[in-house]
């Protein structure tokens, strides 16, 4: 079946728009700021609760401070909440652990927050504290990484798990084969099937530099990658086993793991399904004599030194010829809309229910329909398909995302 990566900007749901004035933050600098804040007892990256305390505040919690993905998501979350006249606060721990998030949630419950929107650090360990939040009347919505369906209203997902996994593998193999990305209408699967049919070289090996070993969303994508590699077109051409390493979504550890890939020299390409990991790998590979190529999920602003930025560039003289992501700020907007609708009693997270998002900036009003989660447990709101950043569009996105 013909598969296409359709730009969020061209789809009926993801209306054409630019993120004018949306800056990104330096990961290393934010990490240092997060550590300083933790030392003073304040680990919030942003707080618009107007100094009235946390009671009645809608809290957004990412995996840890100093993560640009979380910062940008909160930007969209805050935009929607403040436009609705609600108090909102960004409360993330300095450490990327389940224990750090649980401790913070427990404290927030005592402060009588209105809702909790969370991207978790693991699959388990949250049941007791989230049950406590539910008993206190706090609405819980998960985004990026899921929590137990019985303890959330719904989950907001960037894209389908299968779609992310398949597209990342296809891009990685095409890059190893030296096939440039042709544009948003490119049918990667069809092109790859033709290229592999004529390929007689050594078996291609793929490495994955992911977040932590128990992060739900990345693990789902990795499982989808492994499923993609079972297709007949890869047999005898691409190793079905993935060489996996984990950087814990921390710059230093991700850099260490990227260095390990380079020193071992066992893979032809690295897929990093995390913005921290892909930036670290880009720096490591570009600073070495390695021939390893790179793709994954990255922010153009953080990857500009490792990717082609002009249509005239030879993409394969760069570490990362092309990569993917989605509109992270809009993911935050959709999450806020779901949380707010739940808080107002207009949304229960049942299959078929709709969540509406008002127009913001260059984005028009949109409606999203709740579907059953891929796991078969609980429900999900899906933002859209991954978007490919390549030499034909990279320059216009570097200042936007």
Protein backbone atom coordinates (compact mmCIF):
# COMPACT_ATOMS: atom_id res chain seq x y z
CA UNK A 1 0.00 0.00 0.00
CA UNK A 2 1.36 3.35 -0.97
CA UNK A 3 2.51 5.28 2.05
CA UNK A 4 3.31 8.98 2.08
CA UNK A 5 4.69 11.35 4.61
CA UNK A 6 2.28 14.23 4.33
CA UNK A 7 3.36 17.54 5.84
CA UNK A 8 1.33 18.64 8.81
CA UNK A 9 1.20 21.97 7.05
CA UNK A 10 -0.60 20.46 4.07
CA UNK A 11 -3.06 18.16 5.80
CA UNK A 12 -6.69 19.01 6.35
CA UNK A 13 -6.19 18.91 10.08
CA UNK A 14 -2.78 20.54 10.47
CA UNK A 15 -3.53 23.86 8.80
CA UNK A 16 -0.76 25.82 7.11
CA UNK A 17 1.00 27.96 9.65
CA UNK A 18 4.34 29.13 10.87
CA UNK A 19 5.62 29.34 14.35
CA UNK A 20 6.60 33.00 14.11
CA UNK A 21 8.54 34.12 17.11
CA UNK A 22 8.75 30.63 18.63
CA UNK A 23 12.29 30.26 19.91
CA UNK A 24 14.09 27.19 21.15
CA UNK A 25 16.27 26.85 24.18
CA UNK A 26 19.78 25.54 24.55
CA UNK A 27 19.70 22.13 26.17
CA UNK A 28 22.93 22.49 28.10
CA UNK A 29 21.98 25.93 29.39
CA UNK A 30 18.52 24.80 30.43
CA UNK A 31 19.95 21.80 32.23
CA UNK A 32 22.20 24.07 34.25
CA UNK A 33 19.30 26.39 35.01
CA UNK A 34 17.20 23.40 36.05
CA UNK A 35 19.89 22.23 38.46
CA UNK A 36 20.13 25.70 40.01
CA UNK A 37 16.36 25.85 40.38
CA UNK A 38 16.30 22.41 41.97
CA UNK A 39 18.86 23.54 44.50
CA UNK A 40 16.56 26.39 45.51
CA UNK A 41 13.52 24.14 45.59
CA UNK A 42 11.95 25.57 42.40
CA UNK A 43 12.14 23.31 39.38
CA UNK A 44 9.49 25.03 37.33
CA UNK A 45 10.66 26.18 33.90
CA UNK A 46 7.77 28.61 33.63
CA UNK A 47 4.92 29.71 35.81
CA UNK A 48 1.99 31.93 34.91
CA UNK A 49 -0.06 31.24 38.04
CA UNK A 50 0.13 34.94 38.87
CA UNK A 51 1.69 34.44 42.27
CA UNK A 52 -1.55 33.13 43.79
CA UNK A 53 -0.08 29.75 44.70
CA UNK A 54 -0.75 26.47 42.93
CA UNK A 55 -4.39 25.96 43.92
CA UNK A 56 -6.54 25.77 40.80
CA UNK A 57 -3.48 25.70 38.53
CA UNK A 58 -3.17 23.50 35.45
CA UNK A 59 0.25 21.86 35.69
CA UNK A 60 2.30 20.65 32.74
CA UNK A 61 5.03 18.18 33.70
CA UNK A 62 7.68 16.93 31.29
CA UNK A 63 10.32 14.26 31.94
CA UNK A 64 12.84 16.75 33.31
CA UNK A 65 14.00 20.33 33.01
CA UNK A 66 16.37 21.36 30.24
CA UNK A 67 14.61 19.46 27.42
CA UNK A 68 13.72 21.61 24.40
CA UNK A 69 10.98 19.20 23.32
CA UNK A 70 9.20 19.72 26.65
CA UNK A 71 9.84 23.47 26.62
CA UNK A 72 8.28 23.89 23.18
CA UNK A 73 5.33 21.68 24.06
CA UNK A 74 4.69 23.80 27.14
CA UNK A 75 4.74 26.92 24.98
CA UNK A 76 1.67 25.66 23.11
CA UNK A 77 0.07 24.35 26.31
CA UNK A 78 0.47 27.70 28.04
CA UNK A 79 -0.85 29.59 25.03
CA UNK A 80 -4.17 27.75 25.04
CA UNK A 81 -4.60 27.80 28.81
CA UNK A 82 -3.85 31.49 29.27
CA UNK A 83 -6.11 32.39 26.35
CA UNK A 84 -8.89 30.64 28.27
CA UNK A 85 -8.08 32.66 31.39
CA UNK A 86 -6.63 29.72 33.30
CA UNK A 87 -3.62 29.58 35.62
CA UNK A 88 -0.84 27.35 34.31
CA UNK A 89 2.55 26.20 35.54
CA UNK A 90 5.47 24.16 34.15
CA UNK A 91 6.69 21.83 36.89
CA UNK A 92 9.37 19.29 35.91
CA UNK A 93 12.04 17.61 38.05
CA UNK A 94 15.75 18.09 37.49
CA UNK A 95 16.27 14.31 37.30
CA UNK A 96 14.80 12.12 34.54
CA UNK A 97 13.39 9.47 36.88
CA UNK A 98 10.01 8.06 37.86
CA UNK A 99 10.78 8.74 41.52
CA UNK A 100 11.45 12.43 40.90
CA UNK A 101 8.16 12.89 39.06
CA UNK A 102 6.17 10.92 41.65
CA UNK A 103 7.59 13.01 44.49
CA UNK A 104 6.70 16.21 42.69
CA UNK A 105 3.17 15.01 41.85
CA UNK A 106 2.57 14.06 45.47
CA UNK A 107 3.50 17.59 46.56
CA UNK A 108 1.34 19.18 43.85
CA UNK A 109 -1.68 17.18 45.02
CA UNK A 110 -1.37 18.76 48.46
CA UNK A 111 -1.36 22.17 46.75
CA UNK A 112 -4.76 21.43 45.18
CA UNK A 113 -3.86 21.82 41.51
CA UNK A 114 -6.71 21.65 38.98
CA UNK A 115 -5.16 19.25 36.47
CA UNK A 116 -1.97 17.39 35.65
CA UNK A 117 -0.71 16.92 32.11
CA UNK A 118 2.31 14.63 32.13
CA UNK A 119 4.93 12.96 29.93
CA UNK A 120 6.20 10.13 32.11
CA UNK A 121 9.68 8.71 32.61
CA UNK A 122 8.54 5.08 32.72
CA UNK A 123 5.76 2.55 32.26
CA UNK A 124 5.23 1.83 35.93
CA UNK A 125 5.48 3.43 39.33
CA UNK A 126 2.75 6.04 38.98
CA UNK A 127 -0.38 4.10 39.98
CA UNK A 128 -0.47 5.05 43.65
CA UNK A 129 0.18 8.76 43.23
CA UNK A 130 -2.15 9.14 40.24
CA UNK A 131 -4.91 7.28 42.07
CA UNK A 132 -4.40 9.79 44.84
CA UNK A 133 -4.68 12.62 42.28
CA UNK A 134 -7.88 11.13 40.89
CA UNK A 135 -9.36 10.86 44.38
CA UNK A 136 -8.55 14.55 44.86
CA UNK A 137 -10.52 15.44 41.72
CA UNK A 138 -7.46 16.29 39.66
CA UNK A 139 -7.87 15.62 35.94
CA UNK A 140 -4.92 13.72 34.44
CA UNK A 141 -3.99 13.68 30.75
CA UNK A 142 -0.81 12.06 29.43
CA UNK A 143 1.14 13.20 26.39
CA UNK A 144 4.14 11.72 24.58
CA UNK A 145 4.51 8.90 27.16
CA UNK A 146 1.37 7.17 28.39
CA UNK A 147 0.15 6.53 31.90
CA UNK A 148 -2.19 3.73 32.97
CA UNK A 149 -5.48 4.13 31.01
CA UNK A 150 -7.45 3.69 34.22
CA UNK A 151 -5.79 6.75 35.74
CA UNK A 152 -6.04 9.23 32.88
CA UNK A 153 -8.77 10.92 30.89
CA UNK A 154 -7.00 10.27 27.60
CA UNK A 155 -3.55 10.24 26.01
CA UNK A 156 -2.35 12.70 23.36
CA UNK A 157 -0.01 11.19 20.78
CA UNK A 158 2.19 12.88 18.20
CA UNK A 159 1.54 10.26 15.53
CA UNK A 160 0.75 6.58 15.18
CA UNK A 161 3.43 4.35 16.66
CA UNK A 162 3.58 2.18 13.55
CA UNK A 163 3.93 5.22 11.29
CA UNK A 164 6.85 6.66 13.24
CA UNK A 165 8.70 3.34 13.40
CA UNK A 166 8.24 2.51 9.72
CA UNK A 167 9.16 5.95 8.46
CA UNK A 168 12.32 6.14 10.57
CA UNK A 169 13.59 2.76 9.36
CA UNK A 170 12.79 3.57 5.73
CA UNK A 171 14.61 6.91 5.98
CA UNK A 172 17.62 5.30 7.67
CA UNK A 173 18.04 2.63 5.01
CA UNK A 174 17.53 5.08 2.15
CA UNK A 175 20.25 7.28 3.66
CA UNK A 176 22.69 4.35 3.82
CA UNK A 177 21.89 3.62 0.17
CA UNK A 178 22.61 7.25 -0.71
CA UNK A 179 19.06 8.04 -1.82
CA UNK A 180 18.15 11.69 -1.31
CA UNK A 181 14.73 12.74 -0.05
CA UNK A 182 12.75 14.02 -3.03
CA UNK A 183 10.05 16.02 -1.31
CA UNK A 184 6.88 15.69 0.71
CA UNK A 185 5.16 13.58 -1.96
CA UNK A 186 7.90 10.97 -1.97
CA UNK A 187 6.67 7.44 -1.41
CA UNK A 188 9.60 6.23 0.67
CA UNK A 189 8.44 2.64 0.92
CA UNK A 190 8.05 2.24 -2.84
CA UNK A 191 11.42 3.87 -3.54
CA UNK A 192 13.12 1.76 -0.88
CA UNK A 193 11.62 -1.51 -2.15
CA UNK A 194 13.01 -0.77 -5.62
CA UNK A 195 16.43 0.21 -4.29
CA UNK A 196 16.75 -2.86 -2.06
CA UNK A 197 15.76 -5.17 -4.90
CA UNK A 198 18.88 -4.02 -6.75
CA UNK A 199 21.15 -3.92 -3.70
CA UNK A 200 23.88 -6.57 -3.42
CA UNK A 201 26.21 -5.00 -0.87
CA UNK A 202 26.96 -5.97 2.71
CA UNK A 203 24.09 -6.31 5.16
CA UNK A 204 23.10 -2.91 6.53
CA UNK A 205 23.21 -2.49 10.31
CA UNK A 206 21.09 0.04 12.20
CA UNK A 207 21.75 1.48 15.64
CA UNK A 208 19.20 3.21 17.86
CA UNK A 209 20.11 5.91 20.37
CA UNK A 210 16.99 6.24 22.46
CA UNK A 211 15.89 7.80 25.75
CA UNK A 212 15.76 5.61 28.86
CA UNK A 213 15.35 1.86 28.62
CA UNK A 214 11.81 2.02 30.06
CA UNK A 215 10.41 5.13 28.34
CA UNK A 216 7.06 4.03 26.88
CA UNK A 217 6.86 6.18 23.76
CA UNK A 218 10.36 5.45 22.46
CA UNK A 219 9.99 1.76 23.26
CA UNK A 220 6.81 1.70 21.22
CA UNK A 221 8.58 3.27 18.27
CA UNK A 222 11.48 0.82 18.58
CA UNK A 223 9.06 -2.12 18.58
CA UNK A 224 7.49 -0.65 15.42
CA UNK A 225 10.96 -0.38 13.85
CA UNK A 226 11.58 -4.05 14.58
CA UNK A 227 8.21 -4.91 13.06
CA UNK A 228 9.04 -2.89 9.94
CA UNK A 229 12.30 -4.81 9.52
CA UNK A 230 10.36 -8.08 9.27
CA UNK A 231 9.07 -7.11 5.82
CA UNK A 232 10.32 -9.26 2.96
CA UNK A 233 12.13 -6.41 1.20
CA UNK A 234 14.68 -6.19 4.04
CA UNK A 235 15.57 -9.89 4.21
CA UNK A 236 19.22 -10.52 3.43
CA UNK A 237 19.72 -6.77 2.89
CA UNK A 238 19.19 -5.18 6.31
CA UNK A 239 19.92 -6.75 9.69
CA UNK A 240 16.61 -7.24 11.49
CA UNK A 241 18.32 -6.73 14.85
CA UNK A 242 18.76 -3.20 16.17
CA UNK A 243 21.84 -2.18 18.16
CA UNK A 244 20.18 -0.24 21.00
CA UNK A 245 21.78 2.24 23.36
CA UNK A 246 20.12 4.60 25.83
CA UNK A 247 21.11 8.16 26.69
CA UNK A 248 18.38 8.80 29.28
CA UNK A 249 17.41 11.99 27.41
CA UNK A 250 20.46 13.65 28.98
CA UNK A 251 23.08 15.42 26.89
CA UNK A 252 26.15 13.95 28.63
CA UNK A 253 24.92 10.36 28.66
CA UNK A 254 23.60 10.61 25.08
CA UNK A 255 27.02 11.91 24.01
CA UNK A 256 28.70 8.97 25.78
CA UNK A 257 26.46 6.47 24.01
CA UNK A 258 26.99 8.14 20.63
CA UNK A 259 30.74 7.90 21.22
CA UNK A 260 30.27 4.20 21.94
CA UNK A 261 28.60 3.71 18.56
CA UNK A 262 31.48 5.48 16.83
CA UNK A 263 34.22 3.58 18.68
CA UNK A 264 32.55 0.20 18.13
CA UNK A 265 31.95 1.00 14.43
CA UNK A 266 29.35 -1.74 14.00
CA UNK A 267 26.44 0.24 12.52
CA UNK A 268 25.97 2.10 9.25
CA UNK A 269 23.34 4.52 10.49
CA UNK A 270 21.93 5.66 13.82
CA UNK A 271 18.25 6.37 14.39
CA UNK A 272 17.68 8.60 17.41
CA UNK A 273 13.96 8.99 18.23
CA UNK A 274 14.66 11.74 20.76
CA UNK A 275 15.66 15.37 20.20
CA UNK A 276 18.38 15.23 22.87
CA UNK A 277 19.89 12.06 21.44
CA UNK A 278 19.95 13.11 17.80
CA UNK A 279 21.66 16.42 18.63
CA UNK A 280 24.28 14.64 20.74
CA UNK A 281 24.90 12.06 18.01
CA UNK A 282 25.17 14.79 15.39
CA UNK A 283 27.91 16.50 17.37
CA UNK A 284 29.81 13.29 18.06
CA UNK A 285 29.74 12.00 14.48
CA UNK A 286 30.61 15.38 12.96
CA UNK A 287 33.62 15.65 15.29
CA UNK A 288 34.94 12.20 14.34
CA UNK A 289 36.17 10.49 11.20
CA UNK A 290 33.20 8.12 11.28
CA UNK A 291 31.19 7.29 8.17
CA UNK A 292 28.09 6.57 10.26
CA UNK A 293 25.04 8.52 9.11
CA UNK A 294 22.19 9.77 11.27
CA UNK A 295 18.46 10.31 11.20
CA UNK A 296 15.65 10.44 13.73
CA UNK A 297 13.42 12.97 15.44
CA UNK A 298 15.07 16.36 15.80
CA UNK A 299 14.52 20.10 16.10
CA UNK A 300 15.88 21.99 13.05
CA UNK A 301 17.28 24.76 15.27
CA UNK A 302 19.36 22.25 17.22
CA UNK A 303 20.46 20.27 14.16
CA UNK A 304 21.39 23.09 11.77
CA UNK A 305 25.13 22.30 11.95
CA UNK A 306 24.58 18.68 10.94
CA UNK A 307 21.97 18.94 8.16
CA UNK A 308 21.82 20.45 4.67
CA UNK A 309 20.16 23.87 4.71
CA UNK A 310 19.99 24.72 1.00
CA UNK A 311 18.32 23.01 -1.92
CA UNK A 312 21.69 23.14 -3.70
CA UNK A 313 23.52 21.25 -0.93
CA UNK A 314 24.80 17.71 -1.38
CA UNK A 315 22.83 16.17 1.48
CA UNK A 316 25.28 13.29 1.91
CA UNK A 317 28.19 15.52 2.83
CA UNK A 318 26.28 16.13 6.06
CA UNK A 319 25.94 13.83 9.06
CA UNK A 320 22.13 13.86 8.90
CA UNK A 321 20.81 14.13 5.32
CA UNK A 322 17.19 14.31 6.51
CA UNK A 323 15.15 13.76 9.65
CA UNK A 324 11.62 14.04 11.04
CA UNK A 325 9.47 15.50 13.78
CA UNK A 326 6.09 17.20 14.09
CA UNK A 327 4.85 20.54 15.29
CA UNK A 328 5.82 20.22 18.95
CA UNK A 329 4.12 23.48 19.95
CA UNK A 330 0.87 22.35 18.37
CA UNK A 331 1.15 19.07 20.29
CA UNK A 332 1.11 21.18 23.44
CA UNK A 333 -1.91 23.11 22.18
CA UNK A 334 -3.91 19.94 21.55
CA UNK A 335 -2.96 18.58 24.97
CA UNK A 336 -4.14 21.77 26.64
CA UNK A 337 -7.42 21.65 24.74
CA UNK A 338 -8.07 18.08 25.92
CA UNK A 339 -7.14 18.90 29.52
CA UNK A 340 -9.26 22.04 29.58
CA UNK A 341 -12.29 20.31 28.05
CA UNK A 342 -12.01 17.58 30.67
CA UNK A 343 -11.66 20.09 33.50
CA UNK A 344 -14.75 21.95 32.27
CA UNK A 345 -16.78 18.74 32.16
CA UNK A 346 -17.12 18.76 28.37
CA UNK A 347 -14.91 15.75 27.66
CA UNK A 348 -14.59 12.30 29.23
CA UNK A 349 -12.10 10.69 26.84
CA UNK A 350 -14.54 8.20 25.30
CA UNK A 351 -14.03 6.88 21.76
CA UNK A 352 -15.76 9.16 19.25
CA UNK A 353 -15.73 12.25 21.44
CA UNK A 354 -14.29 15.37 19.82
CA UNK A 355 -11.91 17.99 21.12
CA UNK A 356 -11.89 21.39 19.43
CA UNK A 357 -8.92 23.70 19.28
CA UNK A 358 -9.48 27.38 18.59
CA UNK A 359 -7.45 29.29 16.02
CA UNK A 360 -4.04 30.43 17.27
CA UNK A 361 -1.77 32.67 15.23
CA UNK A 362 -1.64 31.27 11.72
CA UNK A 363 -3.45 28.07 12.69
CA UNK A 364 -7.14 27.77 12.03
CA UNK A 365 -9.67 26.13 14.32
CA UNK A 366 -9.52 22.34 14.27
CA UNK A 367 -11.39 19.34 15.63
CA UNK A 368 -9.84 16.02 16.70
CA UNK A 369 -11.71 12.76 17.25
CA UNK A 370 -10.84 10.44 20.13
CA UNK A 371 -9.85 6.93 19.05
CA UNK A 372 -9.01 3.69 20.80
CA UNK A 373 -5.35 3.47 21.80
CA UNK A 374 -3.12 1.20 19.75
CA UNK A 375 -2.60 -0.94 22.83
CA UNK A 376 -6.35 -1.57 22.99
CA UNK A 377 -6.53 0.03 26.43
CA UNK A 378 -7.79 3.56 26.93
CA UNK A 379 -8.15 6.26 24.29
CA UNK A 380 -5.93 8.60 22.32
CA UNK A 381 -6.04 11.88 20.44
CA UNK A 382 -3.57 11.81 17.52
CA UNK A 383 -1.98 15.01 16.25
CA UNK A 384 -0.90 13.83 12.78
CA UNK A 385 1.86 12.24 10.69
CA UNK A 386 5.61 12.86 11.02
CA UNK A 387 7.01 15.69 8.92
CA UNK A 388 10.29 15.34 7.04
CA UNK A 389 12.92 18.07 7.31
CA UNK A 390 15.31 17.93 4.34
CA UNK A 391 17.42 20.27 2.22
CA UNK A 392 14.37 21.61 0.42
CA UNK A 393 12.70 23.01 3.55
CA UNK A 394 15.28 23.03 6.35
CA UNK A 395 16.21 26.72 6.07
CA UNK A 396 12.63 27.90 6.60
CA UNK A 397 12.24 25.76 9.74
CA UNK A 398 15.47 26.53 11.55
CA UNK A 399 14.10 29.81 12.91
CA UNK A 400 10.69 28.33 13.67
CA UNK A 401 11.30 25.10 15.56
